[in-house]
Protein backbone atom coordinates (compact mmCIF):
# COMPACT_ATOMS: atom_id res chain seq x y z
CA UNK A 1 0.00 0.00 0.00
CA UNK A 2 2.85 2.36 0.87
CA UNK A 3 4.41 1.71 -2.53
CA UNK A 4 1.15 2.69 -4.29
CA UNK A 5 0.87 5.90 -2.26
CA UNK A 6 4.46 6.85 -3.01
CA UNK A 7 4.01 6.07 -6.70
CA UNK A 8 0.77 8.09 -6.80
CA UNK A 9 2.41 11.07 -5.09
CA UNK A 10 5.31 10.95 -7.54
CA UNK A 11 2.97 10.66 -10.55
CA UNK A 12 0.90 13.60 -9.27
CA UNK A 13 4.02 15.70 -8.73
CA UNK A 14 5.24 14.95 -12.26
CA UNK A 15 1.82 15.88 -13.66
CA UNK A 16 1.84 19.18 -11.80
CA UNK A 17 5.34 19.83 -13.14
CA UNK A 18 3.89 19.20 -16.62
CA UNK A 19 6.13 16.20 -17.15
CA UNK A 20 3.20 14.36 -18.65
CA UNK A 21 5.14 11.56 -20.32
CA UNK A 22 6.79 10.30 -17.13
CA UNK A 23 3.59 10.88 -15.15
CA UNK A 24 1.68 8.87 -17.77
CA UNK A 25 3.94 5.84 -17.31
CA UNK A 26 3.42 5.86 -13.55
CA UNK A 27 -0.34 6.39 -13.79
CA UNK A 28 -0.50 3.55 -16.31
CA UNK A 29 0.95 1.05 -13.85
CA UNK A 30 -1.18 2.49 -11.03
CA UNK A 31 -4.36 2.12 -13.06
CA UNK A 32 -3.54 -1.49 -13.89
CA UNK A 33 -2.93 -2.22 -10.21
CA UNK A 34 -5.72 -0.26 -8.51
CA UNK A 35 -8.50 0.57 -10.98
CA UNK A 36 -8.93 3.60 -8.73
CA UNK A 37 -10.91 6.37 -10.47
CA UNK A 38 -8.34 9.03 -9.53
CA UNK A 39 -5.54 7.00 -11.06
CA UNK A 40 -7.69 6.49 -14.14
CA UNK A 41 -8.35 10.22 -14.37
CA UNK A 42 -4.65 11.03 -13.95
CA UNK A 43 -3.83 8.57 -16.73
CA UNK A 44 -6.53 9.91 -19.07
CA UNK A 45 -5.42 13.51 -18.45
CA UNK A 46 -1.79 12.74 -19.21
CA UNK A 47 -2.85 10.85 -22.34
CA UNK A 48 -4.81 13.90 -23.51
CA UNK A 49 -1.82 16.12 -22.79
CA UNK A 50 0.31 13.77 -24.94
CA UNK A 51 -2.35 13.75 -27.72
CA UNK A 52 -3.14 10.07 -27.15
CA UNK A 53 -6.83 10.77 -27.47
CA UNK A 54 -7.98 7.29 -28.47
CA UNK A 55 -6.36 5.76 -25.40
CA UNK A 56 -7.64 8.62 -23.23
CA UNK A 57 -11.18 8.03 -24.49
CA UNK A 58 -11.00 4.32 -23.66
CA UNK A 59 -9.75 4.98 -20.13
CA UNK A 60 -12.30 7.76 -19.60
CA UNK A 61 -15.14 5.47 -20.69
CA UNK A 62 -13.98 2.76 -18.30
CA UNK A 63 -13.76 5.15 -15.34
CA UNK A 64 -17.07 6.78 -16.22
CA UNK A 65 -18.81 3.40 -16.32
CA UNK A 66 -17.82 2.82 -12.69
CA UNK A 67 -18.82 6.31 -11.47
CA UNK A 68 -20.80 8.50 -13.84
CA UNK A 69 -20.96 11.28 -11.22
CA UNK A 70 -17.16 11.68 -11.16
CA UNK A 71 -16.86 15.21 -12.56
CA UNK A 72 -13.13 15.13 -13.36
CA UNK A 73 -13.42 12.18 -15.74
CA UNK A 74 -16.17 13.98 -17.64
CA UNK A 75 -13.55 16.57 -18.57
CA UNK A 76 -11.12 14.09 -20.11
CA UNK A 77 -14.01 12.16 -21.67
CA UNK A 78 -15.30 15.32 -23.39
CA UNK A 79 -11.78 16.42 -24.39
CA UNK A 80 -10.80 13.12 -26.01
CA UNK A 81 -14.21 12.63 -27.65
CA UNK A 82 -14.08 16.13 -29.11
CA UNK A 83 -10.57 15.68 -30.52
CA UNK A 84 -11.40 12.29 -32.05
CA UNK A 85 -14.91 12.85 -33.38
CA UNK A 86 -15.61 16.57 -33.69
CA UNK A 87 -12.49 18.69 -34.15
CA UNK A 88 -11.45 17.39 -37.56
CA UNK A 89 -14.74 15.92 -38.68
CA UNK A 90 -14.56 15.57 -42.46
CA UNK A 91 -17.70 13.56 -43.09
CA UNK A 92 -20.86 14.74 -44.77
CA UNK A 93 -23.39 13.17 -42.43
CA UNK A 94 -25.10 15.66 -40.12
CA UNK A 95 -26.84 12.91 -38.16
CA UNK A 96 -23.48 11.30 -37.42
CA UNK A 97 -21.92 14.59 -36.33
CA UNK A 98 -24.99 15.44 -34.25
CA UNK A 99 -24.77 12.04 -32.54
CA UNK A 100 -21.15 12.67 -31.55
CA UNK A 101 -21.97 16.20 -30.40
CA UNK A 102 -25.04 15.16 -28.42
CA UNK A 103 -22.88 12.70 -26.50
CA UNK A 104 -20.60 15.54 -25.40
CA UNK A 105 -23.61 17.74 -24.62
CA UNK A 106 -25.05 15.05 -22.34
CA UNK A 107 -21.68 14.46 -20.72
CA UNK A 108 -21.16 18.16 -19.95
CA UNK A 109 -24.76 19.04 -19.06
CA UNK A 110 -23.67 20.07 -15.57
CA UNK A 111 -20.37 21.53 -16.84
CA UNK A 112 -21.68 24.57 -18.72
CA UNK A 113 -18.26 26.25 -18.71
CA UNK A 114 -16.44 23.21 -20.11
CA UNK A 115 -14.34 24.49 -23.03
CA UNK A 116 -14.95 21.33 -25.07
CA UNK A 117 -18.69 21.80 -24.71
CA UNK A 118 -18.21 25.29 -26.18
CA UNK A 119 -15.92 24.07 -28.95
CA UNK A 120 -18.30 21.25 -29.84
CA UNK A 121 -21.20 23.66 -30.28
CA UNK A 122 -19.10 26.07 -32.35
CA UNK A 123 -17.85 23.25 -34.59
CA UNK A 124 -21.38 22.03 -35.27
CA UNK A 125 -22.40 25.64 -35.94
CA UNK A 126 -19.52 25.79 -38.46
CA UNK A 127 -20.86 22.68 -40.18
CA UNK A 128 -24.40 24.04 -40.29
CA UNK A 129 -23.12 27.32 -41.73
CA UNK A 130 -21.28 25.60 -44.59
CA UNK A 131 -24.43 23.59 -45.39
CA UNK A 132 -26.83 26.53 -45.10
CA UNK A 133 -28.68 24.78 -42.26
CA UNK A 134 -29.77 27.98 -40.54
CA UNK A 135 -32.48 26.58 -38.27
CA UNK A 136 -30.12 23.87 -37.03
CA UNK A 137 -27.40 26.46 -36.45
CA UNK A 138 -29.74 28.56 -34.31
CA UNK A 139 -30.79 25.46 -32.39
CA UNK A 140 -27.16 24.65 -31.55
CA UNK A 141 -26.37 28.26 -30.67
CA UNK A 142 -28.96 28.07 -27.90
CA UNK A 143 -27.08 25.26 -26.16
CA UNK A 144 -24.49 27.68 -24.75
CA UNK A 145 -24.61 31.12 -23.17
CA UNK A 146 -22.38 33.40 -25.29
CA UNK A 147 -21.56 35.52 -22.25
CA UNK A 148 -19.46 32.71 -20.74
CA UNK A 149 -17.46 32.05 -23.91
CA UNK A 150 -13.83 33.11 -24.21
CA UNK A 151 -13.77 36.71 -25.49
CA UNK A 152 -10.03 36.92 -26.21
CA UNK A 153 -9.08 36.80 -29.91
CA UNK A 154 -6.63 34.14 -31.09
CA UNK A 155 -3.28 35.61 -32.08
CA UNK A 156 -0.50 33.69 -33.79
CA UNK A 157 2.20 33.99 -36.43
CA UNK A 158 2.02 32.37 -39.85
CA UNK A 159 4.72 32.78 -42.50
CA UNK A 160 6.16 35.66 -40.46
CA UNK A 161 2.82 37.52 -40.32
CA UNK A 162 0.82 38.29 -37.19
CA UNK A 163 -2.63 36.72 -37.54
CA UNK A 164 -5.65 37.55 -35.37
CA UNK A 165 -8.73 35.33 -35.37
CA UNK A 166 -12.09 36.04 -33.70
CA UNK A 167 -12.66 34.76 -30.18
CA UNK A 168 -15.21 32.04 -29.44
CA UNK A 169 -17.64 34.66 -28.17
CA UNK A 170 -17.28 36.78 -31.31
CA UNK A 171 -17.74 33.68 -33.51
CA UNK A 172 -20.98 32.87 -31.69
CA UNK A 173 -22.43 36.32 -32.36
CA UNK A 174 -21.26 36.33 -35.98
CA UNK A 175 -22.65 32.90 -36.81
CA UNK A 176 -25.91 33.28 -34.91
CA UNK A 177 -26.68 36.72 -36.37
CA UNK A 178 -25.89 35.35 -39.83
CA UNK A 179 -28.34 32.49 -39.34
CA UNK A 180 -31.07 34.94 -38.32
CA UNK A 181 -30.22 37.11 -41.35
CA UNK A 182 -30.47 34.16 -43.73
CA UNK A 183 -33.75 33.10 -42.10
CA UNK A 184 -34.99 36.71 -42.36
CA UNK A 185 -35.80 36.68 -38.66
CA UNK A 186 -35.07 40.39 -38.42
CA UNK A 187 -36.10 40.96 -34.81
CA UNK A 188 -33.76 38.28 -33.48
CA UNK A 189 -31.05 39.33 -35.94
CA UNK A 190 -31.26 42.91 -34.67
CA UNK A 191 -31.21 41.79 -31.03
CA UNK A 192 -28.25 39.41 -31.52
CA UNK A 193 -26.19 41.88 -33.55
CA UNK A 194 -26.91 44.68 -31.06
CA UNK A 195 -25.88 42.49 -28.13
CA UNK A 196 -22.72 41.42 -29.93
CA UNK A 197 -21.79 45.04 -30.58
CA UNK A 198 -21.79 45.65 -26.82
CA UNK A 199 -18.75 43.38 -26.68
CA UNK A 200 -17.27 43.95 -30.15
CA UNK A 201 -18.18 47.55 -31.09
CA UNK A 202 -15.96 47.62 -34.19
CA UNK A 203 -17.21 44.38 -35.77
CA UNK A 204 -18.36 45.39 -39.25
CA UNK A 205 -20.51 42.31 -39.89
CA UNK A 206 -22.49 42.90 -36.71
CA UNK A 207 -22.92 46.57 -37.61
CA UNK A 208 -24.16 45.59 -41.07
CA UNK A 209 -26.63 43.01 -39.75
CA UNK A 210 -27.97 45.44 -37.18
CA UNK A 211 -28.48 48.03 -39.94
CA UNK A 212 -30.19 45.71 -42.44
CA UNK A 213 -32.39 44.29 -39.66
CA UNK A 214 -33.38 47.84 -38.74
CA UNK A 215 -34.25 48.54 -42.37
CA UNK A 216 -36.29 45.38 -42.74
CA UNK A 217 -38.16 46.28 -39.55
CA UNK A 218 -39.27 49.52 -41.20
CA UNK A 219 -36.52 51.98 -40.27
CA UNK A 220 -35.24 52.35 -43.85
CA UNK A 221 -33.76 55.86 -43.65
CA UNK A 222 -31.87 54.98 -40.47
CA UNK A 223 -30.57 51.77 -42.08
CA UNK A 224 -29.33 53.68 -45.15
CA UNK A 225 -27.45 56.16 -42.96
CA UNK A 226 -25.86 53.40 -40.87
CA UNK A 227 -24.84 51.46 -43.98
CA UNK A 228 -23.34 54.59 -45.56
CA UNK A 229 -21.20 55.05 -42.44
CA UNK A 230 -20.11 51.41 -42.70
CA UNK A 231 -19.25 51.87 -46.40
CA UNK A 232 -16.76 54.61 -45.49
CA UNK A 233 -14.85 52.07 -43.40
CA UNK A 234 -15.48 48.89 -45.43
CA UNK A 235 -15.99 49.60 -49.13
CA UNK A 236 -17.30 46.18 -50.12
CA UNK A 237 -19.76 45.57 -52.94
CA UNK A 238 -22.37 43.96 -50.70
CA UNK A 239 -22.57 47.07 -48.48
CA UNK A 240 -23.38 49.18 -51.53
CA UNK A 241 -25.92 46.58 -52.63
CA UNK A 242 -27.60 46.79 -49.21
CA UNK A 243 -27.86 50.57 -49.53
CA UNK A 244 -29.21 50.27 -53.08
CA UNK A 245 -31.90 47.80 -52.04
CA UNK A 246 -33.19 50.10 -49.31
CA UNK A 247 -33.24 53.07 -51.69
CA UNK A 248 -35.23 50.83 -54.04
CA UNK A 249 -37.69 50.07 -51.26
CA UNK A 250 -38.09 53.84 -50.89
CA UNK A 251 -38.79 53.99 -54.67
CA UNK A 252 -35.69 56.16 -55.12
CA UNK A 253 -34.37 54.24 -58.13
CA UNK A 254 -31.87 56.92 -59.11
CA UNK A 255 -30.06 56.61 -55.76
CA UNK A 256 -30.45 52.83 -55.86
CA UNK A 257 -28.75 52.78 -59.26
CA UNK A 258 -25.88 54.97 -58.06
CA UNK A 259 -25.09 52.62 -55.18
CA UNK A 260 -25.58 49.38 -57.11
CA UNK A 261 -23.11 50.62 -59.73
CA UNK A 262 -20.65 51.49 -56.96
CA UNK A 263 -20.93 47.83 -55.98
CA UNK A 264 -20.44 46.70 -59.59
CA UNK A 265 -17.23 48.75 -59.93
CA UNK A 266 -15.77 47.34 -56.72
CA UNK A 267 -16.72 43.78 -57.69
CA UNK A 268 -15.31 43.89 -61.20
CA UNK A 269 -11.85 42.52 -60.38
CA UNK A 270 -12.84 40.09 -57.64
CA UNK A 271 -12.66 36.30 -58.12
CA UNK A 272 -15.69 33.97 -58.18
CA UNK A 273 -18.13 36.36 -59.89
CA UNK A 274 -20.85 33.69 -59.86
CA UNK A 275 -21.50 34.42 -56.20
CA UNK A 276 -22.35 38.03 -57.10
CA UNK A 277 -25.09 37.25 -59.64
CA UNK A 278 -27.66 38.98 -57.41
CA UNK A 279 -25.68 42.23 -57.58
CA UNK A 280 -25.98 42.31 -61.38
CA UNK A 281 -29.60 41.18 -61.25
CA UNK A 282 -30.38 44.11 -58.94
CA UNK A 283 -28.49 46.42 -61.33
CA UNK A 284 -30.73 45.16 -64.15
CA UNK A 285 -33.80 45.73 -62.00
CA UNK A 286 -32.88 49.32 -61.08
CA UNK A 287 -31.84 50.14 -64.66
CA UNK A 288 -35.21 48.85 -65.84
CA UNK A 289 -36.99 50.98 -63.22
CA UNK A 290 -34.92 53.98 -64.35
CA UNK A 291 -35.85 53.44 -68.02
CA UNK A 292 -32.47 52.26 -69.34
CA UNK A 293 -33.79 49.09 -70.97
CA UNK A 294 -30.71 48.33 -73.08
CA UNK A 295 -28.36 48.30 -70.09
CA UNK A 296 -30.93 46.44 -67.99
CA UNK A 297 -30.87 43.65 -70.58
CA UNK A 298 -27.06 43.44 -70.54
CA UNK A 299 -26.89 43.25 -66.74
CA UNK A 300 -29.58 40.57 -66.68
CA UNK A 301 -27.65 38.53 -69.25
CA UNK A 302 -24.50 38.93 -67.13
CA UNK A 303 -26.34 37.66 -64.06
CA UNK A 304 -27.72 34.70 -66.03
CA UNK A 305 -24.36 33.89 -67.65
CA UNK A 306 -22.56 33.77 -64.29
CA UNK A 307 -25.05 31.25 -62.88
CA UNK A 308 -25.02 29.25 -66.11
CA UNK A 309 -21.21 29.10 -66.06
CA UNK A 310 -21.39 27.57 -62.57
CA UNK A 311 -24.00 25.06 -63.68
CA UNK A 312 -26.49 26.43 -61.17
CA UNK A 313 -30.25 26.30 -61.48
CA UNK A 314 -31.71 29.50 -62.92
CA UNK A 315 -33.93 31.22 -60.33
CA UNK A 316 -37.42 32.34 -61.22
CA UNK A 317 -36.63 36.03 -60.66
CA UNK A 318 -34.22 36.02 -63.63
CA UNK A 319 -36.75 34.41 -65.93
CA UNK A 320 -39.51 36.76 -64.76
CA UNK A 321 -37.41 39.88 -65.47
CA UNK A 322 -36.37 38.47 -68.86
CA UNK A 323 -40.05 38.02 -69.76
CA UNK A 324 -40.77 41.56 -68.64
CA UNK A 325 -37.91 42.89 -70.79
CA UNK A 326 -38.92 40.66 -73.69
CA UNK A 327 -35.54 38.93 -74.08
CA UNK A 328 -34.29 35.35 -74.17
CA UNK A 329 -31.75 34.40 -71.52
CA UNK A 330 -28.51 33.20 -73.15
CA UNK A 331 -24.91 32.85 -72.05
CA UNK A 332 -23.01 35.89 -73.27
CA UNK A 333 -19.24 36.42 -73.13
CA UNK A 334 -17.21 39.59 -72.48
CA UNK A 335 -20.01 41.44 -70.70
CA UNK A 336 -17.69 42.61 -67.91
CA UNK A 337 -15.45 44.26 -70.50
CA UNK A 338 -18.45 45.90 -72.12
CA UNK A 339 -20.12 47.08 -68.92
CA UNK A 340 -17.11 48.44 -67.03
CA UNK A 341 -16.91 51.70 -69.08
CA UNK A 342 -20.64 52.23 -68.49
CA UNK A 343 -20.20 51.80 -64.72
CA UNK A 344 -17.25 54.20 -64.58
CA UNK A 345 -19.00 56.83 -66.71
CA UNK A 346 -22.12 56.63 -64.55
CA UNK A 347 -20.17 57.02 -61.33
CA UNK A 348 -17.44 59.50 -62.18
CA UNK A 349 -19.55 61.83 -64.32
CA UNK A 350 -21.26 62.82 -61.07
CA UNK A 351 -18.07 63.48 -59.10
CA UNK A 352 -15.91 66.64 -59.19
CA UNK A 353 -12.68 66.24 -61.14
CA UNK A 354 -9.39 67.84 -60.10
CA UNK A 355 -5.70 67.90 -60.90
CA UNK A 356 -2.73 67.79 -58.58
CA UNK A 357 0.40 65.82 -57.77
CA UNK A 358 1.35 62.96 -55.52
CA UNK A 359 2.52 64.40 -52.23
CA UNK A 360 3.55 61.25 -50.40
CA UNK A 361 3.20 57.48 -50.33
CA UNK A 362 2.71 55.96 -46.88
CA UNK A 363 5.30 53.45 -45.59
CA UNK A 364 2.94 50.48 -46.03
CA UNK A 365 2.70 51.30 -49.75
CA UNK A 366 -1.10 50.98 -49.73
CA UNK A 367 -2.12 54.63 -49.56
CA UNK A 368 -0.90 58.18 -49.77
CA UNK A 369 -1.87 61.83 -50.26
CA UNK A 370 -2.40 64.03 -53.30
CA UNK A 371 -2.06 67.80 -53.17
CA UNK A 372 -4.65 69.41 -55.46
CA UNK A 373 -3.92 72.51 -57.53
CA UNK A 374 -5.95 74.55 -55.04
CA UNK A 375 -3.68 73.36 -52.22
CA UNK A 376 -5.96 70.87 -50.47
CA UNK A 377 -4.60 67.42 -49.61
CA UNK A 378 -6.63 64.30 -50.41
CA UNK A 379 -6.08 60.81 -49.07
CA UNK A 380 -6.04 58.02 -51.69
CA UNK A 381 -5.65 54.27 -51.86
CA UNK A 382 -2.95 52.94 -54.20
CA UNK A 383 -5.47 50.54 -55.76
CA UNK A 384 -7.34 53.64 -57.05
CA UNK A 385 -4.40 54.51 -59.31
CA UNK A 386 -4.95 53.52 -62.95
CA UNK A 387 -1.40 52.93 -64.08
CA UNK A 388 1.81 51.09 -63.33
CA UNK A 389 2.71 51.00 -59.66
CA UNK A 390 6.27 51.99 -60.53
CA UNK A 391 4.99 55.35 -61.79
CA UNK A 392 3.39 56.24 -58.49
CA UNK A 393 5.96 58.50 -56.82
CA UNK A 394 5.93 61.89 -55.07
CA UNK A 395 5.79 64.66 -57.66
CA UNK A 396 3.78 62.70 -60.25
CA UNK A 397 1.16 64.91 -61.91
CA UNK A 398 -2.29 63.31 -61.74
CA UNK A 399 -5.96 63.94 -62.34
CA UNK A 400 -8.55 62.41 -60.08
CA UNK A 401 -12.11 62.49 -58.83
CA UNK A 402 -13.15 63.51 -55.32
CA UNK A 403 -15.46 61.19 -53.41
CA UNK A 404 -17.06 61.44 -49.96
CA UNK A 405 -15.26 59.36 -47.35
CA UNK A 406 -14.77 59.08 -43.59
CA UNK A 407 -11.73 59.96 -41.47
CA UNK A 408 -11.51 57.20 -38.89
CA UNK A 409 -8.90 59.01 -36.78
CA UNK A 410 -10.90 62.25 -36.60
CA UNK A 411 -14.24 60.41 -36.57
CA UNK A 412 -15.82 62.71 -39.14
CA UNK A 413 -16.77 62.93 -42.80
CA UNK A 414 -13.93 63.64 -45.21
CA UNK A 415 -13.10 63.31 -48.92
CA UNK A 416 -10.68 61.11 -50.82
CA UNK A 417 -9.21 60.89 -54.31
CA UNK A 418 -10.41 58.03 -56.55
CA UNK A 419 -9.98 56.91 -60.17
CA UNK A 420 -6.53 58.48 -60.44
CA UNK A 421 -4.65 58.87 -63.74
CA UNK A 422 -1.18 60.26 -64.43
CA UNK A 423 -1.00 63.27 -66.76
CA UNK A 424 1.88 64.61 -68.77
CA UNK A 425 3.61 67.70 -67.45
CA UNK A 426 2.57 70.76 -69.39
């Protein structure tokens, strides 16, 4: 008996010193000798620490079968089961994944703060998101209280770059609000996004979902203003599409067209255009409402062609608009090349044009400032320069358009230079 006590004390000391391999060997012999639940737990824990999850699961099951109220073994049981069955699940069977996950849920029912309970729920939410299973995602989100999830972002280095990933709590709010958005449950989407913004006030996706929920609940003007403020920070095509749709709901098709074309310009050079077919469909719709039938037809054919190229089913809304326009839907090539000049003319003909010269390029090489002929400095993004990057140096004479923007440092409206071209010195 003395020998067992001494061995157990030594194994425990090694475990506390994080010498898990040597502790594991001692706990292994102890478990064989005693079948004591504490020795079994010590062994299972060390096995988990050494990534021997299959062995840890077997030991955890054996201990659990002798005392299913032993809380410590539930931790190693959940840990090993998660790592084996949930963490890297690559199957395509939701019922199978749900069965694994439900086992961990049952095991940790009285361990609400168990990290592997949290991770299990988030992994199943990931799966549901990739499959578009929005009701199931919401159902799983309700199994944990987001307020007890880890709120610290994950930071690590990859290929010499500092990478920051959302915390578990932020992921919960992002995924749950997305599910409500996709389900068009605007009240719950608004509530979830608003609550998430209490913890993550700069999260653009939550700001966007709060705004579009507000708009779909009847507060259209407020939604447009909020989305415009978001667009100054995140100039993505879908933000401009959101704004356009709400202007359309207000029957302001001129404004809707302006913003949808902003989205088209931004989207032009992005990969996977098939996923933006709705943007071009909406452009066709607003052009039709504005009386530009010829361009409406071209945008509708672009939307159709992108879906057809992907081999996707053609939605009824495309066919209905084609019937209204009196055209036959057919796959047409080179429409991007044909439509880009139209988009640019529509946008930039409404903006003031100026001349000046490059004042400075910022150290990160992504932005800089232009001094206009009248002496005012304008911020610009390098991607707005239409020319070879090697040309872009202080002193270069340029012409550009001035567009409303937002100064994040000063927290106020500002203006920036866009669509920049070099000009020859006179």
